[in-house]
């Protein structure tokens, strides 16, 4: 199944989203959640080591805990970051 940017898709109880980031080096985040836990997190673009690390750390975590920990993180002088954009994607999925 191919994801459409900005559309939450549900498959076998898992919600999936291809999120277009704003203000970061990464261009997109593929994110999934099921039963309140992050099931998928793949950044497209950005600082490879950092985004891979964030992805590995959040997989299996409670969505609310991810948002609590990563919301508002800034990258240098930017008003957002890849972790902060992940929070925006997870919040979009909860609507």
N, C-alpha and C. Protein backbone atom coordinates (compact mmCIF):
# COMPACT_ATOMS: atom_id res chain seq x y z
N UNK A 1 0.85 -1.18 0.00
CA UNK A 1 0.00 0.00 0.00
C UNK A 1 0.90 1.24 0.00
N UNK A 2 0.58 2.14 -0.86
CA UNK A 2 1.34 3.39 -0.93
C UNK A 2 0.62 4.46 -0.13
N UNK A 3 1.36 5.15 0.71
CA UNK A 3 0.78 6.20 1.54
C UNK A 3 0.67 7.50 0.77
N UNK A 4 -0.40 8.23 1.02
CA UNK A 4 -0.59 9.56 0.45
C UNK A 4 -0.21 10.59 1.50
N UNK A 5 0.50 11.61 1.10
CA UNK A 5 0.95 12.65 2.03
C UNK A 5 -0.25 13.24 2.76
N UNK A 6 -0.17 13.24 4.08
CA UNK A 6 -1.17 13.90 4.91
C UNK A 6 -2.43 13.10 5.19
N UNK A 7 -2.56 11.91 4.63
CA UNK A 7 -3.76 11.11 4.85
C UNK A 7 -3.47 9.96 5.81
N UNK A 8 -4.23 9.88 6.87
CA UNK A 8 -4.10 8.78 7.81
C UNK A 8 -4.86 7.58 7.23
N UNK A 9 -4.15 6.47 7.13
CA UNK A 9 -4.72 5.23 6.59
C UNK A 9 -4.71 4.20 7.71
N UNK A 10 -5.77 3.41 7.80
CA UNK A 10 -5.81 2.36 8.81
C UNK A 10 -5.76 1.00 8.12
N UNK A 11 -4.84 0.16 8.62
CA UNK A 11 -4.68 -1.19 8.08
C UNK A 11 -4.45 -2.15 9.24
N UNK A 12 -5.33 -3.13 9.39
CA UNK A 12 -5.23 -4.12 10.47
C UNK A 12 -5.09 -3.47 11.84
N UNK A 13 -5.82 -2.39 12.08
CA UNK A 13 -5.81 -1.71 13.36
C UNK A 13 -4.64 -0.76 13.57
N UNK A 14 -3.75 -0.69 12.58
CA UNK A 14 -2.60 0.22 12.66
C UNK A 14 -2.89 1.46 11.83
N UNK A 15 -2.68 2.64 12.42
CA UNK A 15 -2.82 3.89 11.69
C UNK A 15 -1.46 4.25 11.11
N UNK A 16 -1.46 4.65 9.83
CA UNK A 16 -0.23 5.01 9.13
C UNK A 16 -0.37 6.39 8.52
N UNK A 17 0.73 7.13 8.49
CA UNK A 17 0.72 8.48 7.94
C UNK A 17 2.06 8.78 7.30
N UNK A 18 2.03 9.40 6.12
CA UNK A 18 3.22 9.99 5.51
C UNK A 18 3.09 11.49 5.73
N UNK A 19 3.91 12.00 6.64
CA UNK A 19 3.81 13.38 7.08
C UNK A 19 4.85 14.24 6.38
N UNK A 20 4.43 15.35 5.78
CA UNK A 20 5.34 16.31 5.14
C UNK A 20 5.83 17.27 6.21
N UNK A 21 7.14 17.23 6.48
CA UNK A 21 7.70 18.08 7.53
C UNK A 21 7.78 19.53 7.08
N UNK A 22 7.87 20.42 8.05
CA UNK A 22 7.98 21.85 7.80
C UNK A 22 9.17 22.37 8.61
N UNK A 23 10.12 23.03 7.93
CA UNK A 23 11.22 23.69 8.62
C UNK A 23 12.36 22.80 9.06
N UNK A 24 12.46 21.59 8.49
CA UNK A 24 13.55 20.68 8.85
C UNK A 24 14.26 20.18 7.61
N UNK A 25 15.42 19.58 7.81
CA UNK A 25 16.18 19.00 6.70
C UNK A 25 15.49 17.74 6.17
N UNK A 26 14.85 16.99 7.06
CA UNK A 26 14.08 15.82 6.58
C UNK A 26 12.86 16.35 5.82
N UNK A 27 12.45 15.60 4.82
CA UNK A 27 11.32 16.02 3.98
C UNK A 27 10.00 15.39 4.40
N UNK A 28 10.08 14.12 4.84
CA UNK A 28 8.88 13.37 5.20
C UNK A 28 9.19 12.47 6.39
N UNK A 29 8.13 12.09 7.11
CA UNK A 29 8.23 11.06 8.15
C UNK A 29 7.11 10.06 7.91
N UNK A 30 7.47 8.78 7.80
CA UNK A 30 6.48 7.71 7.78
C UNK A 30 6.30 7.30 9.23
N UNK A 31 5.09 7.39 9.71
CA UNK A 31 4.84 7.06 11.11
C UNK A 31 3.61 6.17 11.22
N UNK A 32 3.69 5.23 12.15
CA UNK A 32 2.57 4.33 12.40
C UNK A 32 2.34 4.19 13.89
N UNK A 33 1.10 3.92 14.24
CA UNK A 33 0.76 3.68 15.65
C UNK A 33 -0.38 2.68 15.75
N UNK A 34 -0.31 1.89 16.80
CA UNK A 34 -1.36 0.91 17.07
C UNK A 34 -1.47 0.76 18.58
N UNK A 35 -2.69 0.76 19.07
CA UNK A 35 -2.93 0.60 20.50
C UNK A 35 -2.14 1.60 21.33
N UNK A 36 -2.01 2.84 20.82
CA UNK A 36 -1.35 3.90 21.57
C UNK A 36 0.17 3.85 21.57
N UNK A 37 0.75 2.97 20.74
CA UNK A 37 2.20 2.83 20.69
C UNK A 37 2.71 3.08 19.26
N UNK A 38 3.91 3.64 19.17
CA UNK A 38 4.53 3.89 17.87
C UNK A 38 4.98 2.56 17.29
N UNK A 39 4.53 2.26 16.08
CA UNK A 39 4.89 1.01 15.41
C UNK A 39 5.88 1.23 14.27
N UNK A 40 5.92 2.45 13.76
CA UNK A 40 6.80 2.75 12.63
C UNK A 40 7.24 4.20 12.74
N UNK A 41 8.51 4.43 12.41
CA UNK A 41 9.04 5.79 12.36
C UNK A 41 10.23 5.79 11.41
N UNK A 42 10.04 6.37 10.22
CA UNK A 42 11.09 6.43 9.22
C UNK A 42 11.18 7.86 8.71
N UNK A 43 12.33 8.49 8.89
CA UNK A 43 12.56 9.83 8.37
C UNK A 43 13.15 9.73 6.97
N UNK A 44 12.69 10.58 6.07
CA UNK A 44 13.25 10.67 4.72
C UNK A 44 14.02 11.97 4.63
N UNK A 45 15.34 11.86 4.58
CA UNK A 45 16.20 13.04 4.59
C UNK A 45 16.59 13.38 6.01
N UNK A 46 17.32 14.45 6.15
CA UNK A 46 17.76 14.87 7.48
C UNK A 46 19.09 14.26 7.84
N UNK A 47 19.52 14.44 9.05
CA UNK A 47 20.79 13.93 9.57
C UNK A 47 20.61 12.44 9.84
N UNK A 48 21.18 11.62 9.00
CA UNK A 48 20.91 10.18 9.02
C UNK A 48 21.10 9.53 10.39
N UNK A 49 22.21 9.77 11.03
CA UNK A 49 22.46 9.14 12.33
C UNK A 49 21.45 9.57 13.37
N UNK A 50 21.15 10.86 13.41
CA UNK A 50 20.20 11.37 14.40
C UNK A 50 18.79 10.84 14.15
N UNK A 51 18.35 10.87 12.90
CA UNK A 51 16.98 10.43 12.62
C UNK A 51 16.84 8.92 12.80
N UNK A 52 17.88 8.15 12.47
CA UNK A 52 17.83 6.71 12.72
C UNK A 52 17.76 6.44 14.22
N UNK A 53 18.53 7.20 14.99
CA UNK A 53 18.52 7.03 16.44
C UNK A 53 17.17 7.34 17.04
N UNK A 54 16.57 8.46 16.63
CA UNK A 54 15.24 8.83 17.13
C UNK A 54 14.25 7.74 16.76
N UNK A 55 14.31 7.27 15.52
CA UNK A 55 13.38 6.23 15.07
C UNK A 55 13.47 4.99 15.93
N UNK A 56 14.66 4.51 16.19
CA UNK A 56 14.85 3.30 17.00
C UNK A 56 14.36 3.52 18.43
N UNK A 57 14.60 4.70 18.97
CA UNK A 57 14.21 4.97 20.35
C UNK A 57 12.70 5.03 20.54
N UNK A 58 11.98 5.60 19.58
CA UNK A 58 10.54 5.80 19.78
C UNK A 58 9.70 4.57 19.42
N UNK A 59 10.23 3.67 18.61
CA UNK A 59 9.44 2.49 18.24
C UNK A 59 9.10 1.68 19.48
N UNK A 60 7.82 1.41 19.64
CA UNK A 60 7.31 0.68 20.80
C UNK A 60 6.91 1.57 21.96
N UNK A 61 7.27 2.85 21.90
CA UNK A 61 6.93 3.78 22.99
C UNK A 61 5.48 4.22 22.91
N UNK A 62 4.94 4.59 24.05
CA UNK A 62 3.62 5.18 24.13
C UNK A 62 3.63 6.52 23.39
N UNK A 63 2.64 6.74 22.53
CA UNK A 63 2.56 7.96 21.73
C UNK A 63 2.57 9.21 22.60
N UNK A 64 1.81 9.20 23.68
CA UNK A 64 1.76 10.38 24.56
C UNK A 64 3.11 10.66 25.20
N UNK A 65 3.85 9.61 25.53
CA UNK A 65 5.17 9.77 26.12
C UNK A 65 6.16 10.36 25.11
N UNK A 66 6.07 9.92 23.86
CA UNK A 66 6.93 10.47 22.80
C UNK A 66 6.68 11.97 22.68
N UNK A 67 5.41 12.35 22.62
CA UNK A 67 5.06 13.77 22.48
C UNK A 67 5.54 14.54 23.71
N UNK A 68 5.34 13.99 24.89
CA UNK A 68 5.77 14.65 26.12
C UNK A 68 7.27 14.92 26.12
N UNK A 69 8.05 13.97 25.64
CA UNK A 69 9.51 14.09 25.68
C UNK A 69 10.10 14.92 24.56
N UNK A 70 9.49 14.87 23.36
CA UNK A 70 10.12 15.48 22.18
C UNK A 70 9.49 16.79 21.72
N UNK A 71 8.31 17.10 22.20
CA UNK A 71 7.61 18.32 21.78
C UNK A 71 8.44 19.57 22.11
N UNK A 72 8.60 20.43 21.12
CA UNK A 72 9.27 21.71 21.32
C UNK A 72 10.78 21.69 21.17
N UNK A 73 11.38 20.53 20.89
CA UNK A 73 12.83 20.49 20.67
C UNK A 73 13.15 21.30 19.42
N UNK A 74 14.20 22.10 19.53
CA UNK A 74 14.62 22.95 18.41
C UNK A 74 15.94 22.45 17.86
N UNK A 75 16.18 22.74 16.60
CA UNK A 75 17.43 22.38 15.93
C UNK A 75 18.16 23.68 15.60
N UNK A 76 19.22 23.95 16.35
CA UNK A 76 19.96 25.21 16.13
C UNK A 76 19.06 26.40 16.34
N UNK A 77 19.03 27.28 15.34
CA UNK A 77 18.20 28.48 15.43
C UNK A 77 16.79 28.27 14.86
N UNK A 78 16.53 27.09 14.35
CA UNK A 78 15.19 26.80 13.81
C UNK A 78 14.19 26.70 14.95
N UNK A 79 12.94 26.98 14.66
CA UNK A 79 11.89 26.91 15.69
C UNK A 79 11.32 25.51 15.83
N UNK A 80 11.88 24.54 15.11
CA UNK A 80 11.41 23.15 15.15
C UNK A 80 12.61 22.23 14.94
N UNK A 81 12.33 20.93 14.89
CA UNK A 81 13.37 19.93 14.66
C UNK A 81 12.69 18.67 14.13
N UNK A 82 13.48 17.69 13.73
CA UNK A 82 12.89 16.42 13.30
C UNK A 82 12.09 15.77 14.43
N UNK A 83 12.61 15.71 15.67
CA UNK A 83 11.80 15.14 16.75
C UNK A 83 10.50 15.93 17.00
N UNK A 84 10.57 17.25 16.91
CA UNK A 84 9.38 18.08 17.09
C UNK A 84 8.37 17.82 15.97
N UNK A 85 8.85 17.65 14.75
CA UNK A 85 7.96 17.36 13.62
C UNK A 85 7.32 15.98 13.78
N UNK A 86 8.05 15.04 14.36
CA UNK A 86 7.47 13.74 14.66
C UNK A 86 6.27 13.91 15.60
N UNK A 87 6.39 14.78 16.56
CA UNK A 87 5.26 15.07 17.46
C UNK A 87 4.07 15.62 16.69
N UNK A 88 4.32 16.52 15.73
CA UNK A 88 3.23 17.07 14.93
C UNK A 88 2.54 15.94 14.16
N UNK A 89 3.32 15.01 13.61
CA UNK A 89 2.74 13.88 12.86
C UNK A 89 1.89 13.01 13.78
N UNK A 90 2.41 12.69 14.95
CA UNK A 90 1.64 11.86 15.89
C UNK A 90 0.37 12.55 16.34
N UNK A 91 0.43 13.85 16.55
CA UNK A 91 -0.77 14.61 16.93
C UNK A 91 -1.79 14.59 15.79
N UNK A 92 -1.33 14.72 14.55
CA UNK A 92 -2.24 14.68 13.42
C UNK A 92 -2.97 13.32 13.36
N UNK A 93 -2.28 12.28 13.71
CA UNK A 93 -2.88 10.95 13.68
C UNK A 93 -3.95 10.76 14.75
N UNK A 94 -3.87 11.52 15.83
CA UNK A 94 -4.82 11.38 16.92
C UNK A 94 -6.12 12.14 16.68
N UNK A 95 -6.16 12.99 15.69
CA UNK A 95 -7.39 13.77 15.41
C UNK A 95 -8.48 12.91 14.86
